[in-house]
Amino acid sequence: MKAARILKRMKSNTRNFLSGHPDKFLGKLKGVIHVGANIGQEKDLYERYNLNVIWIEPIPKVYKALRSKIKEYPKQKAYRYLITDKDASSYHFHVANNFGASSSILRLADHKQIWPEVGYEETILMDSITLTSLCKAKNINMKKYDGLIIDTQGSELMVLKGAIPLLPYFKFIKTEVPDFNSYKKCCKADDISAFLTRYNFKEVSKHKFAHKKNVGSYYKITFKQCNLDYS
């Protein structure tokens, strides 16, 4: 009984630690791979945690801005690739008018109900690569990158499916995902949770950051690999 109480208290402490702030888990990491970088808005946050960082951003003009913004951060590097669950597949990538922040390989759906000012301004034909293939091609030392951040506007599950061989390396995986059809045929929070549960991850933090009545909510969700000691 005493052991059971201790275990229950440890689990409660873990949830409390993570629920206090959605980025506290970064303090447990050596580095992160951030898929869907945009212009690297989190660069200073990652620098404060002294993390090794790989940014991945597909849009040429946004990638150029990203490279410029991280040039003074020696532990951060960027690659321009479109990450999905397939290698060498062509996609129509839709570039959004908010400097690419809402860009996606998927068409907008109820995203417009929350952000009506956002729309697509151009479409670029791009070839994709899986995260597994990219890491192999670039000889990335996965021991230096034990966190995965995904913000790809509806295709997050595709990114994960293309990274299955890499999942054991990650202590934490964080993604932004809705519970409604923000993009046409986009993945949802329950889809991500069900997939990662099969690969030994559990949800430890869920923060709502956008909501509209009768439409749905957007969340920042963090998952932890179950067989790792949090301490």
Protein backbone atom coordinates (compact mmCIF):
# COMPACT_ATOMS: atom_id res chain seq x y z
CA MET A 1 0.00 0.00 0.00
CA LYS A 2 2.83 2.40 0.86
CA ALA A 3 4.55 1.70 -2.47
CA ALA A 4 1.28 2.28 -4.31
CA ARG A 5 0.82 5.63 -2.56
CA ILE A 6 4.37 6.67 -3.45
CA LEU A 7 3.87 5.72 -7.09
CA LYS A 8 0.58 7.61 -7.21
CA ARG A 9 2.25 10.68 -5.68
CA MET A 10 5.12 10.49 -8.20
CA LYS A 11 2.67 10.37 -11.11
CA SER A 12 0.75 13.29 -9.63
CA ASN A 13 3.95 15.32 -9.24
CA THR A 14 4.86 14.64 -12.86
CA ARG A 15 1.47 15.87 -14.06
CA ASN A 16 1.67 18.95 -11.85
CA PHE A 17 5.19 19.76 -13.03
CA LEU A 18 4.20 19.57 -16.68
CA SER A 19 0.81 21.23 -16.34
CA GLY A 20 2.34 24.37 -14.84
CA HIS A 21 3.76 25.44 -18.19
CA PRO A 22 3.59 23.70 -21.58
CA ASP A 23 7.35 24.07 -22.17
CA LYS A 24 8.75 22.89 -18.84
CA PHE A 25 9.63 19.51 -20.31
CA LEU A 26 12.38 21.21 -22.31
CA GLY A 27 14.47 21.25 -19.14
CA LYS A 28 14.68 17.46 -19.38
CA LEU A 29 16.09 17.41 -22.91
CA LYS A 30 19.44 17.63 -24.71
CA GLY A 31 17.92 18.87 -27.93
CA VAL A 32 14.84 19.11 -30.13
CA ILE A 33 13.89 18.54 -33.73
CA HIS A 34 11.25 21.12 -34.62
CA VAL A 35 9.20 20.25 -37.71
CA GLY A 36 7.25 23.24 -39.02
CA ALA A 37 9.72 25.88 -37.91
CA ASN A 38 8.29 29.01 -39.56
CA ILE A 39 10.77 31.76 -38.55
CA GLY A 40 11.95 30.07 -35.36
CA GLN A 41 9.79 31.96 -32.88
CA GLU A 42 10.98 29.63 -30.10
CA LYS A 43 14.71 30.21 -30.76
CA ASP A 44 15.25 32.24 -27.58
CA LEU A 45 13.30 29.73 -25.51
CA TYR A 46 15.45 26.87 -26.80
CA GLU A 47 18.59 28.95 -26.21
CA ARG A 48 17.60 29.49 -22.56
CA TYR A 49 17.44 25.72 -22.13
CA ASN A 50 20.80 25.35 -23.92
CA LEU A 51 19.32 22.91 -26.42
CA ASN A 52 20.68 21.50 -29.63
CA VAL A 53 18.07 22.40 -32.24
CA ILE A 54 17.23 21.26 -35.75
CA TRP A 55 14.63 23.40 -37.46
CA ILE A 56 12.79 22.08 -40.54
CA GLU A 57 10.85 24.52 -42.71
CA PRO A 58 9.65 23.95 -46.32
CA ILE A 59 8.81 27.45 -47.61
CA PRO A 60 11.79 29.04 -49.38
CA LYS A 61 11.25 32.66 -48.28
CA VAL A 62 10.38 31.65 -44.71
CA TYR A 63 13.38 29.33 -44.56
CA LYS A 64 15.62 32.21 -45.63
CA ALA A 65 14.25 34.37 -42.80
CA LEU A 66 14.68 31.49 -40.37
CA ARG A 67 18.33 31.05 -41.33
CA SER A 68 18.93 34.74 -40.75
CA LYS A 69 17.26 34.75 -37.35
CA ILE A 70 19.22 31.78 -35.95
CA LYS A 71 22.65 32.66 -37.33
CA GLU A 72 23.79 33.89 -33.90
CA TYR A 73 22.74 30.61 -32.24
CA PRO A 74 25.59 28.13 -32.77
CA LYS A 75 23.62 25.14 -31.44
CA GLN A 76 20.74 25.69 -33.86
CA LYS A 77 20.65 24.69 -37.54
CA ALA A 78 17.94 24.65 -40.18
CA TYR A 79 17.00 22.49 -43.17
CA ARG A 80 14.49 23.23 -45.94
CA TYR A 81 12.35 20.13 -46.44
CA LEU A 82 8.70 19.11 -46.52
CA ILE A 83 8.23 16.29 -44.00
CA THR A 84 5.44 13.72 -44.47
CA ASP A 85 5.04 9.95 -44.20
CA LYS A 86 6.44 9.35 -47.70
CA ASP A 87 9.72 9.88 -49.52
CA ALA A 88 9.79 11.51 -52.95
CA SER A 89 6.05 12.21 -53.16
CA SER A 90 4.80 15.45 -54.68
CA TYR A 91 2.41 17.73 -52.80
CA HIS A 92 0.71 21.03 -53.49
CA PHE A 93 1.89 23.10 -50.54
CA HIS A 94 -0.43 26.02 -49.78
CA VAL A 95 1.33 29.12 -48.44
CA ALA A 96 -0.67 31.22 -46.00
CA ASN A 97 -0.81 35.01 -45.90
CA ASN A 98 0.44 35.23 -42.27
CA PHE A 99 4.06 34.80 -43.41
CA GLY A 100 3.48 31.11 -43.82
CA ALA A 101 2.43 30.34 -40.24
CA SER A 102 -0.80 28.56 -41.27
CA SER A 103 0.62 26.95 -44.41
CA SER A 104 -0.23 23.32 -45.11
CA ILE A 105 -0.45 20.57 -47.68
CA LEU A 106 -4.14 20.49 -46.72
CA ARG A 107 -6.90 22.89 -47.69
CA LEU A 108 -8.35 25.21 -45.07
CA ALA A 109 -11.65 24.16 -43.52
CA ASP A 110 -13.02 25.43 -40.17
CA HIS A 111 -9.70 27.15 -39.45
CA LYS A 112 -11.45 30.17 -40.96
CA GLN A 113 -14.05 30.10 -38.18
CA ILE A 114 -11.36 31.03 -35.64
CA TRP A 115 -8.97 33.02 -37.86
CA PRO A 116 -11.10 34.48 -40.70
CA GLU A 117 -8.28 36.76 -41.81
CA VAL A 118 -6.05 33.82 -42.77
CA GLY A 119 -6.05 32.55 -46.34
CA TYR A 120 -3.72 31.07 -48.92
CA GLU A 121 -1.78 33.36 -51.25
CA GLU A 122 0.13 30.85 -53.39
CA THR A 123 0.68 27.14 -53.94
CA ILE A 124 4.09 25.53 -54.44
CA LEU A 125 4.70 22.02 -55.76
CA MET A 126 7.08 20.27 -53.36
CA ASP A 127 8.59 16.83 -52.95
CA SER A 128 8.45 15.27 -49.51
CA ILE A 129 10.80 13.25 -47.34
CA THR A 130 10.25 11.35 -44.10
CA LEU A 131 11.93 12.53 -40.95
CA THR A 132 13.65 9.14 -40.75
CA SER A 133 15.18 9.55 -44.21
CA LEU A 134 16.22 13.14 -43.55
CA CYS A 135 18.00 12.27 -40.31
CA LYS A 136 19.81 9.45 -42.08
CA ALA A 137 20.78 11.64 -45.04
CA LYS A 138 22.15 14.38 -42.79
CA ASN A 139 23.88 11.94 -40.39
CA ILE A 140 22.01 13.45 -37.47
CA ASN A 141 23.14 12.04 -34.13
CA MET A 142 19.82 11.19 -32.52
CA LYS A 143 21.43 10.95 -29.09
CA LYS A 144 21.64 14.76 -29.17
CA TYR A 145 17.95 15.24 -30.03
CA ASP A 146 15.59 13.62 -27.54
CA GLY A 147 12.61 15.90 -28.11
CA LEU A 148 10.30 16.26 -31.12
CA ILE A 149 8.14 19.33 -31.75
CA ILE A 150 5.60 19.20 -34.59
CA ASP A 151 3.52 22.10 -35.91
CA THR A 152 2.63 21.27 -39.51
CA GLN A 153 -0.98 22.47 -39.70
CA GLY A 154 -2.94 19.26 -39.96
CA SER A 155 -0.30 16.79 -41.17
CA GLU A 156 1.25 16.02 -37.78
CA LEU A 157 0.17 12.38 -37.88
CA MET A 158 1.86 11.97 -41.27
CA VAL A 159 5.10 13.32 -39.78
CA LEU A 160 4.87 10.80 -36.93
CA LYS A 161 4.17 7.88 -39.26
CA GLY A 162 7.28 8.76 -41.23
CA ALA A 163 9.32 8.87 -38.03
CA ILE A 164 8.39 5.51 -36.47
CA PRO A 165 12.00 4.18 -36.38
CA LEU A 166 13.05 7.37 -34.55
CA LEU A 167 10.35 7.36 -31.86
CA PRO A 168 12.41 5.37 -29.29
CA TYR A 169 14.95 8.21 -29.24
CA PHE A 170 12.42 10.80 -28.09
CA LYS A 171 11.69 11.37 -24.40
CA PHE A 172 8.99 13.92 -25.20
CA ILE A 173 6.89 14.78 -28.23
CA LYS A 174 4.89 17.99 -28.39
CA THR A 175 2.40 18.97 -31.06
CA GLU A 176 -0.25 21.59 -31.79
CA VAL A 177 -3.45 19.92 -32.90
CA PRO A 178 -7.20 20.67 -33.02
CA ASP A 179 -10.22 18.61 -32.03
CA PHE A 180 -12.15 19.74 -35.14
CA ASN A 181 -11.69 19.90 -38.93
CA SER A 182 -9.41 22.92 -38.98
CA TYR A 183 -8.01 21.70 -42.31
CA LYS A 184 -9.69 19.28 -44.71
CA LYS A 185 -8.91 15.70 -43.63
CA CYS A 186 -6.54 16.90 -40.92
CA CYS A 187 -5.54 14.77 -37.96
CA LYS A 188 -7.08 15.57 -34.59
CA ALA A 189 -6.00 15.35 -30.98
CA ASP A 190 -7.52 11.90 -30.49
CA ASP A 191 -5.74 10.60 -33.60
CA ILE A 192 -2.35 11.71 -32.30
CA SER A 193 -3.02 10.28 -28.85
CA ALA A 194 -4.16 6.90 -30.21
CA PHE A 195 -1.12 6.63 -32.49
CA LEU A 196 1.45 7.55 -29.85
CA THR A 197 -0.16 5.25 -27.29
CA ARG A 198 0.67 2.34 -29.61
CA TYR A 199 4.31 3.41 -29.50
CA ASN A 200 4.58 3.63 -25.74
CA PHE A 201 3.87 7.33 -25.20
CA LYS A 202 1.33 8.84 -22.86
CA GLU A 203 -0.20 12.31 -22.71
CA VAL A 204 1.19 14.34 -19.80
CA SER A 205 0.17 17.89 -20.65
CA LYS A 206 -2.67 19.49 -22.63
CA HIS A 207 -3.07 23.26 -22.94
CA LYS A 208 -5.92 24.89 -24.87
CA PHE A 209 -4.76 28.02 -26.72
CA ALA A 210 -7.65 28.74 -29.10
CA HIS A 211 -11.38 28.03 -29.00
CA LYS A 212 -14.64 28.98 -30.64
CA LYS A 213 -18.04 27.84 -29.48
CA ASN A 214 -19.70 25.29 -31.79
CA VAL A 215 -16.45 24.90 -33.73
CA GLY A 216 -13.78 23.46 -31.44
CA SER A 217 -10.42 24.01 -29.78
CA TYR A 218 -6.72 23.97 -30.52
CA TYR A 219 -4.31 22.40 -28.05
CA LYS A 220 -0.62 22.14 -27.30
CA ILE A 221 -0.21 18.53 -26.20
CA THR A 222 2.92 16.95 -24.75
CA PHE A 223 3.55 13.20 -24.69
CA LYS A 224 6.19 11.35 -22.66
CA GLN A 225 7.78 8.00 -23.45
CA CYS A 226 6.36 5.63 -20.84
CA ASN A 227 9.40 3.47 -20.15
CA LEU A 228 11.65 6.39 -19.22
CA ASP A 229 12.22 7.55 -15.65
CA TYR A 230 11.08 11.17 -15.54
CA SER A 231 13.75 12.06 -13.02
